[in-house]
């Protein structure tokens, strides 16, 4: 993608022509935490996502947006389901020539705001998402597969633990693909959805590069 070659459109057309299933491997969509979020979420007003990791010594030909942030971009679009109207992004290169830490603020037509931070120079690993809506606030941890929901009860805030049936996301992803291929079902992450996430990630990357 860095060199201007985007095979995603070709792959979508090829899959359609050959009548085969194309599933994009956004592994966090298969995390049991996301199911809990989908079941409890109604109309998100503000989403905050953090994805931090130590320096990986790999994928240094791309920045952290295409390396890590793209997963949260795809999740946010899946949750919000509204056209994107504004992007404000900043990124800083530290150990590579491309951004190693980045933040993007996405504004959607329905008024929802998503603030996404990604870093590959963090001393610790973190994969968390917080979703605020009119009647509740969800705080979920992809890494620990755990979380809390906060609800208003009169003039108090009541906290309730989210019960997550833990599972291995990669196993779930592969099982879902086999199921789709076997029965012709719609993939959890389609080629079109993967392409849209890539398009926004590239838009953010270009804005960061212009800013630097």
C-alpha atoms as a PDB file:
ATOM      1  CA  UNK A   1       0.000   0.000   0.000  1.00  0.00           C
ATOM      2  CA  UNK A   2       2.888   2.332   0.725  1.00  0.00           C
ATOM      3  CA  UNK A   3       4.037   2.226  -2.874  1.00  0.00           C
ATOM      4  CA  UNK A   4       0.628   3.128  -4.253  1.00  0.00           C
ATOM      5  CA  UNK A   5      -0.487  -0.422  -5.044  1.00  0.00           C
ATOM      6  CA  UNK A   6      -3.889  -1.262  -3.607  1.00  0.00           C
ATOM      7  CA  UNK A   7      -4.772  -4.865  -4.476  1.00  0.00           C
ATOM      8  CA  UNK A   8      -8.017  -4.800  -2.455  1.00  0.00           C
ATOM      9  CA  UNK A   9     -10.298  -3.718  -5.316  1.00  0.00           C
ATOM     10  CA  UNK A  10      -8.765  -6.327  -7.611  1.00  0.00           C
ATOM     11  CA  UNK A  11      -9.225  -9.025  -4.958  1.00  0.00           C
ATOM     12  CA  UNK A  12     -12.887  -8.103  -4.456  1.00  0.00           C
ATOM     13  CA  UNK A  13     -13.554  -8.299  -8.194  1.00  0.00           C
ATOM     14  CA  UNK A  14     -11.605 -11.556  -8.502  1.00  0.00           C
ATOM     15  CA  UNK A  15     -13.505 -13.165  -5.606  1.00  0.00           C
ATOM     16  CA  UNK A  16     -16.811 -12.141  -7.197  1.00  0.00           C
ATOM     17  CA  UNK A  17     -15.784 -13.443 -10.617  1.00  0.00           C
ATOM     18  CA  UNK A  18     -14.666 -16.787  -9.172  1.00  0.00           C
ATOM     19  CA  UNK A  19     -17.661 -17.047  -6.798  1.00  0.00           C
ATOM     20  CA  UNK A  20     -15.426 -17.538  -3.759  1.00  0.00           C
ATOM     21  CA  UNK A  21     -15.569 -16.120  -0.237  1.00  0.00           C
ATOM     22  CA  UNK A  22     -13.276 -13.188   0.571  1.00  0.00           C
ATOM     23  CA  UNK A  23     -12.860 -12.464   4.278  1.00  0.00           C
ATOM     24  CA  UNK A  24     -10.535  -9.765   5.631  1.00  0.00           C
ATOM     25  CA  UNK A  25      -8.542 -10.772   8.701  1.00  0.00           C
ATOM     26  CA  UNK A  26      -9.387  -7.961  11.105  1.00  0.00           C
ATOM     27  CA  UNK A  27      -8.876 -10.269  14.049  1.00  0.00           C
ATOM     28  CA  UNK A  28     -10.349  -7.971  16.720  1.00  0.00           C
ATOM     29  CA  UNK A  29     -13.777  -8.326  15.109  1.00  0.00           C
ATOM     30  CA  UNK A  30     -13.634 -11.955  16.288  1.00  0.00           C
ATOM     31  CA  UNK A  31     -12.721 -11.049  19.847  1.00  0.00           C
ATOM     32  CA  UNK A  32     -15.532 -12.088  22.265  1.00  0.00           C
ATOM     33  CA  UNK A  33     -15.332  -8.595  23.768  1.00  0.00           C
ATOM     34  CA  UNK A  34     -16.779  -7.089  20.596  1.00  0.00           C
ATOM     35  CA  UNK A  35     -19.879  -9.272  20.819  1.00  0.00           C
ATOM     36  CA  UNK A  36     -20.543  -7.911  24.301  1.00  0.00           C
ATOM     37  CA  UNK A  37     -20.117  -4.390  22.988  1.00  0.00           C
ATOM     38  CA  UNK A  38     -22.475  -4.950  20.060  1.00  0.00           C
ATOM     39  CA  UNK A  39     -25.165  -6.384  22.346  1.00  0.00           C
ATOM     40  CA  UNK A  40     -25.045  -3.424  24.744  1.00  0.00           C
ATOM     41  CA  UNK A  41     -24.457  -0.571  22.344  1.00  0.00           C
ATOM     42  CA  UNK A  42     -27.346   1.521  21.070  1.00  0.00           C
ATOM     43  CA  UNK A  43     -26.334   4.938  19.770  1.00  0.00           C
ATOM     44  CA  UNK A  44     -22.664   5.766  20.440  1.00  0.00           C
ATOM     45  CA  UNK A  45     -21.876   9.442  20.953  1.00  0.00           C
ATOM     46  CA  UNK A  46     -18.150   9.210  21.684  1.00  0.00           C
ATOM     47  CA  UNK A  47     -15.672   6.367  21.176  1.00  0.00           C
ATOM     48  CA  UNK A  48     -12.134   6.274  22.497  1.00  0.00           C
ATOM     49  CA  UNK A  49      -9.706   3.527  21.468  1.00  0.00           C
ATOM     50  CA  UNK A  50      -6.108   2.867  22.522  1.00  0.00           C
ATOM     51  CA  UNK A  51      -3.833   0.307  20.882  1.00  0.00           C
ATOM     52  CA  UNK A  52      -0.298   0.385  22.257  1.00  0.00           C
ATOM     53  CA  UNK A  53       2.626  -2.013  21.879  1.00  0.00           C
ATOM     54  CA  UNK A  54       6.408  -2.130  22.308  1.00  0.00           C
ATOM     55  CA  UNK A  55       8.497  -1.623  19.174  1.00  0.00           C
ATOM     56  CA  UNK A  56       7.883  -4.734  17.033  1.00  0.00           C
ATOM     57  CA  UNK A  57      11.010  -4.742  14.831  1.00  0.00           C
ATOM     58  CA  UNK A  58       8.741  -5.590  11.908  1.00  0.00           C
ATOM     59  CA  UNK A  59       6.490  -3.725   9.474  1.00  0.00           C
ATOM     60  CA  UNK A  60       8.819  -0.738   9.709  1.00  0.00           C
ATOM     61  CA  UNK A  61       8.165   0.049   6.041  1.00  0.00           C
ATOM     62  CA  UNK A  62       4.708   1.274   7.088  1.00  0.00           C
ATOM     63  CA  UNK A  63       3.594   3.595   9.871  1.00  0.00           C
ATOM     64  CA  UNK A  64       1.649   2.709  12.984  1.00  0.00           C
ATOM     65  CA  UNK A  65      -1.644   3.764  11.353  1.00  0.00           C
ATOM     66  CA  UNK A  66      -1.461   0.986   8.758  1.00  0.00           C
ATOM     67  CA  UNK A  67       0.240  -1.349  11.209  1.00  0.00           C
ATOM     68  CA  UNK A  68      -2.056  -1.067  14.261  1.00  0.00           C
ATOM     69  CA  UNK A  69      -4.627   1.736  14.089  1.00  0.00           C
ATOM     70  CA  UNK A  70      -6.371   0.258  11.049  1.00  0.00           C
ATOM     71  CA  UNK A  71      -7.977  -2.408  13.289  1.00  0.00           C
ATOM     72  CA  UNK A  72      -9.673   0.231  15.440  1.00  0.00           C
ATOM     73  CA  UNK A  73     -10.660   2.242  12.374  1.00  0.00           C
ATOM     74  CA  UNK A  74     -12.501  -0.797  11.024  1.00  0.00           C
ATOM     75  CA  UNK A  75     -14.184  -1.455  14.384  1.00  0.00           C
ATOM     76  CA  UNK A  76     -15.301   2.162  14.755  1.00  0.00           C
ATOM     77  CA  UNK A  77     -16.883   2.169  11.279  1.00  0.00           C
ATOM     78  CA  UNK A  78     -18.615  -1.118  12.087  1.00  0.00           C
ATOM     79  CA  UNK A  79     -20.067   0.354  15.298  1.00  0.00           C
ATOM     80  CA  UNK A  80     -21.020   3.835  14.113  1.00  0.00           C
ATOM     81  CA  UNK A  81     -22.500   3.018  10.691  1.00  0.00           C
ATOM     82  CA  UNK A  82     -22.507   6.644   9.536  1.00  0.00           C
ATOM     83  CA  UNK A  83     -20.578   8.545   6.844  1.00  0.00           C
ATOM     84  CA  UNK A  84     -17.275  10.111   7.871  1.00  0.00           C
ATOM     85  CA  UNK A  85     -17.306  13.895   7.520  1.00  0.00           C
ATOM     86  CA  UNK A  86     -14.007  15.039   9.069  1.00  0.00           C
ATOM     87  CA  UNK A  87     -10.559  13.679   9.932  1.00  0.00           C
ATOM     88  CA  UNK A  88      -7.942  15.380  12.103  1.00  0.00           C
ATOM     89  CA  UNK A  89      -4.736  13.427  12.624  1.00  0.00           C
ATOM     90  CA  UNK A  90      -1.254  13.849  14.039  1.00  0.00           C
ATOM     91  CA  UNK A  91       1.664  11.441  14.122  1.00  0.00           C
ATOM     92  CA  UNK A  92       5.291  11.434  15.204  1.00  0.00           C
ATOM     93  CA  UNK A  93       8.177   9.340  13.864  1.00  0.00           C
ATOM     94  CA  UNK A  94      10.483   8.193  16.669  1.00  0.00           C
ATOM     95  CA  UNK A  95      12.325   4.993  15.768  1.00  0.00           C
ATOM     96  CA  UNK A  96      11.453   4.797  12.074  1.00  0.00           C
ATOM     97  CA  UNK A  97      10.986   7.216   9.194  1.00  0.00           C
ATOM     98  CA  UNK A  98       7.214   6.894   9.466  1.00  0.00           C
ATOM     99  CA  UNK A  99       4.850   7.695  12.322  1.00  0.00           C
ATOM    100  CA  UNK A 100       5.376   5.436  15.354  1.00  0.00           C
ATOM    101  CA  UNK A 101       2.695   7.091  17.477  1.00  0.00           C
ATOM    102  CA  UNK A 102      -0.473   8.605  16.058  1.00  0.00           C
ATOM    103  CA  UNK A 103      -3.840  10.018  17.019  1.00  0.00           C
ATOM    104  CA  UNK A 104      -6.861  10.472  14.786  1.00  0.00           C
ATOM    105  CA  UNK A 105     -10.118  12.222  15.552  1.00  0.00           C
ATOM    106  CA  UNK A 106     -12.967  11.071  13.320  1.00  0.00           C
ATOM    107  CA  UNK A 107     -16.247  12.947  13.101  1.00  0.00           C
ATOM    108  CA  UNK A 108     -19.303  11.228  11.642  1.00  0.00           C
ATOM    109  CA  UNK A 109     -22.456  12.615  10.028  1.00  0.00           C
ATOM    110  CA  UNK A 110     -24.622  11.426  12.938  1.00  0.00           C
ATOM    111  CA  UNK A 111     -22.540  13.497  15.366  1.00  0.00           C
ATOM    112  CA  UNK A 112     -20.484  10.662  16.838  1.00  0.00           C
ATOM    113  CA  UNK A 113     -16.811  11.418  17.526  1.00  0.00           C
ATOM    114  CA  UNK A 114     -14.110   8.734  17.641  1.00  0.00           C
ATOM    115  CA  UNK A 115     -10.690   9.448  19.115  1.00  0.00           C
ATOM    116  CA  UNK A 116      -8.179   6.721  18.204  1.00  0.00           C
ATOM    117  CA  UNK A 117      -4.604   6.454  19.490  1.00  0.00           C
ATOM    118  CA  UNK A 118      -1.997   3.945  18.345  1.00  0.00           C
ATOM    119  CA  UNK A 119       1.627   3.558  19.414  1.00  0.00           C
ATOM    120  CA  UNK A 120       4.344   1.012  18.730  1.00  0.00           C
ATOM    121  CA  UNK A 121       6.859   2.603  21.111  1.00  0.00           C
ATOM    122  CA  UNK A 122       4.994   1.956  24.337  1.00  0.00           C
ATOM    123  CA  UNK A 123       6.606   0.134  27.277  1.00  0.00           C
ATOM    124  CA  UNK A 124       3.410  -1.885  27.698  1.00  0.00           C
ATOM    125  CA  UNK A 125       0.763  -3.547  25.571  1.00  0.00           C
ATOM    126  CA  UNK A 126      -2.770  -2.158  25.621  1.00  0.00           C
ATOM    127  CA  UNK A 127      -5.857  -2.777  23.494  1.00  0.00           C
ATOM    128  CA  UNK A 128      -8.852  -0.984  24.964  1.00  0.00           C
ATOM    129  CA  UNK A 129     -12.015   0.716  23.778  1.00  0.00           C
ATOM    130  CA  UNK A 130     -14.483   2.964  25.592  1.00  0.00           C
ATOM    131  CA  UNK A 131     -17.913   3.795  24.214  1.00  0.00           C
ATOM    132  CA  UNK A 132     -20.138   6.534  25.618  1.00  0.00           C
ATOM    133  CA  UNK A 133     -23.839   6.701  24.832  1.00  0.00           C
ATOM    134  CA  UNK A 134     -26.748   8.597  26.337  1.00  0.00           C
ATOM    135  CA  UNK A 135     -27.635   6.038  29.001  1.00  0.00           C
ATOM    136  CA  UNK A 136     -24.403   4.123  29.625  1.00  0.00           C
ATOM    137  CA  UNK A 137     -20.648   3.954  29.255  1.00  0.00           C
ATOM    138  CA  UNK A 138     -18.758   0.782  28.311  1.00  0.00           C
ATOM    139  CA  UNK A 139     -15.077   0.204  29.039  1.00  0.00           C
ATOM    140  CA  UNK A 140     -13.700  -2.957  27.440  1.00  0.00           C
ATOM    141  CA  UNK A 141     -10.287  -4.587  27.241  1.00  0.00           C
ATOM    142  CA  UNK A 142      -9.582  -6.672  24.120  1.00  0.00           C
ATOM    143  CA  UNK A 143      -6.372  -8.029  25.580  1.00  0.00           C
ATOM    144  CA  UNK A 144      -7.836  -9.240  28.871  1.00  0.00           C
ATOM    145  CA  UNK A 145     -11.252  -9.991  27.324  1.00  0.00           C
ATOM    146  CA  UNK A 146     -12.964  -8.202  30.178  1.00  0.00           C
ATOM    147  CA  UNK A 147     -14.802  -4.983  30.853  1.00  0.00           C
ATOM    148  CA  UNK A 148     -17.274  -2.866  32.777  1.00  0.00           C
ATOM    149  CA  UNK A 149     -20.516  -1.108  31.983  1.00  0.00           C
ATOM    150  CA  UNK A 150     -21.556   2.045  33.857  1.00  0.00           C
ATOM    151  CA  UNK A 151     -25.219   3.049  33.990  1.00  0.00           C
ATOM    152  CA  UNK A 152     -27.080   5.969  35.482  1.00  0.00           C
ATOM    153  CA  UNK A 153     -29.396   4.970  38.321  1.00  0.00           C
ATOM    154  CA  UNK A 154     -31.170   8.058  39.614  1.00  0.00           C
ATOM    155  CA  UNK A 155     -28.377  10.405  40.682  1.00  0.00           C
ATOM    156  CA  UNK A 156     -25.824   7.616  40.939  1.00  0.00           C
ATOM    157  CA  UNK A 157     -23.588   5.721  38.540  1.00  0.00           C
ATOM    158  CA  UNK A 158     -23.813   1.948  38.912  1.00  0.00           C
ATOM    159  CA  UNK A 159     -20.921  -0.233  37.734  1.00  0.00           C
ATOM    160  CA  UNK A 160     -21.506  -3.774  36.473  1.00  0.00           C
ATOM    161  CA  UNK A 161     -18.890  -6.245  35.275  1.00  0.00           C
ATOM    162  CA  UNK A 162     -19.290  -7.439  31.699  1.00  0.00           C
ATOM    163  CA  UNK A 163     -19.222 -11.219  31.576  1.00  0.00           C
ATOM    164  CA  UNK A 164     -17.113 -12.291  28.596  1.00  0.00           C
ATOM    165  CA  UNK A 165     -16.884 -15.920  27.506  1.00  0.00           C
ATOM    166  CA  UNK A 166     -13.204 -15.922  26.639  1.00  0.00           C
ATOM    167  CA  UNK A 167     -11.983 -17.491  23.417  1.00  0.00           C
ATOM    168  CA  UNK A 168      -9.066 -17.317  20.985  1.00  0.00           C
ATOM    169  CA  UNK A 169      -9.851 -14.677  18.313  1.00  0.00           C
ATOM    170  CA  UNK A 170      -7.642 -16.311  15.655  1.00  0.00           C
ATOM    171  CA  UNK A 171      -9.428 -19.630  16.129  1.00  0.00           C
ATOM    172  CA  UNK A 172     -12.793 -17.869  15.850  1.00  0.00           C
ATOM    173  CA  UNK A 173     -11.655 -16.026  12.725  1.00  0.00           C
ATOM    174  CA  UNK A 174     -10.566 -19.227  10.967  1.00  0.00           C
ATOM    175  CA  UNK A 175     -13.713 -21.077  12.033  1.00  0.00           C
ATOM    176  CA  UNK A 176     -15.871 -18.229  10.716  1.00  0.00           C
ATOM    177  CA  UNK A 177     -14.085 -18.326   7.366  1.00  0.00           C
ATOM    178  CA  UNK A 178     -14.550 -22.090   7.056  1.00  0.00           C
ATOM    179  CA  UNK A 179     -18.238 -21.689   7.894  1.00  0.00           C
ATOM    180  CA  UNK A 180     -18.675 -18.961   5.281  1.00  0.00           C
ATOM    181  CA  UNK A 181     -16.826 -20.943   2.624  1.00  0.00           C
ATOM    182  CA  UNK A 182     -18.829 -24.072   3.401  1.00  0.00           C
ATOM    183  CA  UNK A 183     -22.275 -22.466   3.404  1.00  0.00           C
ATOM    184  CA  UNK A 184     -21.776 -19.332   1.292  1.00  0.00           C
ATOM    185  CA  UNK A 185     -22.522 -16.979   4.171  1.00  0.00           C
ATOM    186  CA  UNK A 186     -21.539 -13.314   4.320  1.00  0.00           C
ATOM    187  CA  UNK A 187     -18.108 -12.904   5.955  1.00  0.00           C
ATOM    188  CA  UNK A 188     -17.851 -11.014   9.247  1.00  0.00           C
ATOM    189  CA  UNK A 189     -15.471  -8.560   7.542  1.00  0.00           C
ATOM    190  CA  UNK A 190     -16.120  -8.257   3.814  1.00  0.00           C
ATOM    191  CA  UNK A 191     -13.669  -7.083   1.195  1.00  0.00           C
ATOM    192  CA  UNK A 192     -15.605  -3.826   0.890  1.00  0.00           C
ATOM    193  CA  UNK A 193     -15.376  -3.178   4.645  1.00  0.00           C
ATOM    194  CA  UNK A 194     -11.674  -3.974   4.657  1.00  0.00           C
ATOM    195  CA  UNK A 195     -11.121  -1.669   1.695  1.00  0.00           C
ATOM    196  CA  UNK A 196     -12.966   1.210   3.400  1.00  0.00           C
ATOM    197  CA  UNK A 197     -10.835   0.834   6.538  1.00  0.00           C
ATOM    198  CA  UNK A 198      -7.720   0.840   4.366  1.00  0.00           C
ATOM    199  CA  UNK A 199      -8.923   3.951   2.518  1.00  0.00           C
ATOM    200  CA  UNK A 200      -9.394   5.872   5.760  1.00  0.00           C
ATOM    201  CA  UNK A 201      -6.066   4.619   7.146  1.00  0.00           C
ATOM    202  CA  UNK A 202      -4.325   5.890   4.018  1.00  0.00           C
ATOM    203  CA  UNK A 203      -6.158   9.221   4.312  1.00  0.00           C
ATOM    204  CA  UNK A 204      -4.942   9.552   7.915  1.00  0.00           C
ATOM    205  CA  UNK A 205      -1.401   8.566   6.917  1.00  0.00           C
ATOM    206  CA  UNK A 206      -1.336  11.161   4.138  1.00  0.00           C
ATOM    207  CA  UNK A 207      -2.620  13.874   6.491  1.00  0.00           C
ATOM    208  CA  UNK A 208       0.113  12.997   8.997  1.00  0.00           C
ATOM    209  CA  UNK A 209       2.782  13.089   6.300  1.00  0.00           C
ATOM    210  CA  UNK A 210       1.569  16.497   5.110  1.00  0.00           C
ATOM    211  CA  UNK A 211       1.654  17.757   8.695  1.00  0.00           C
ATOM    212  CA  UNK A 212       5.199  16.554   9.240  1.00  0.00           C
END
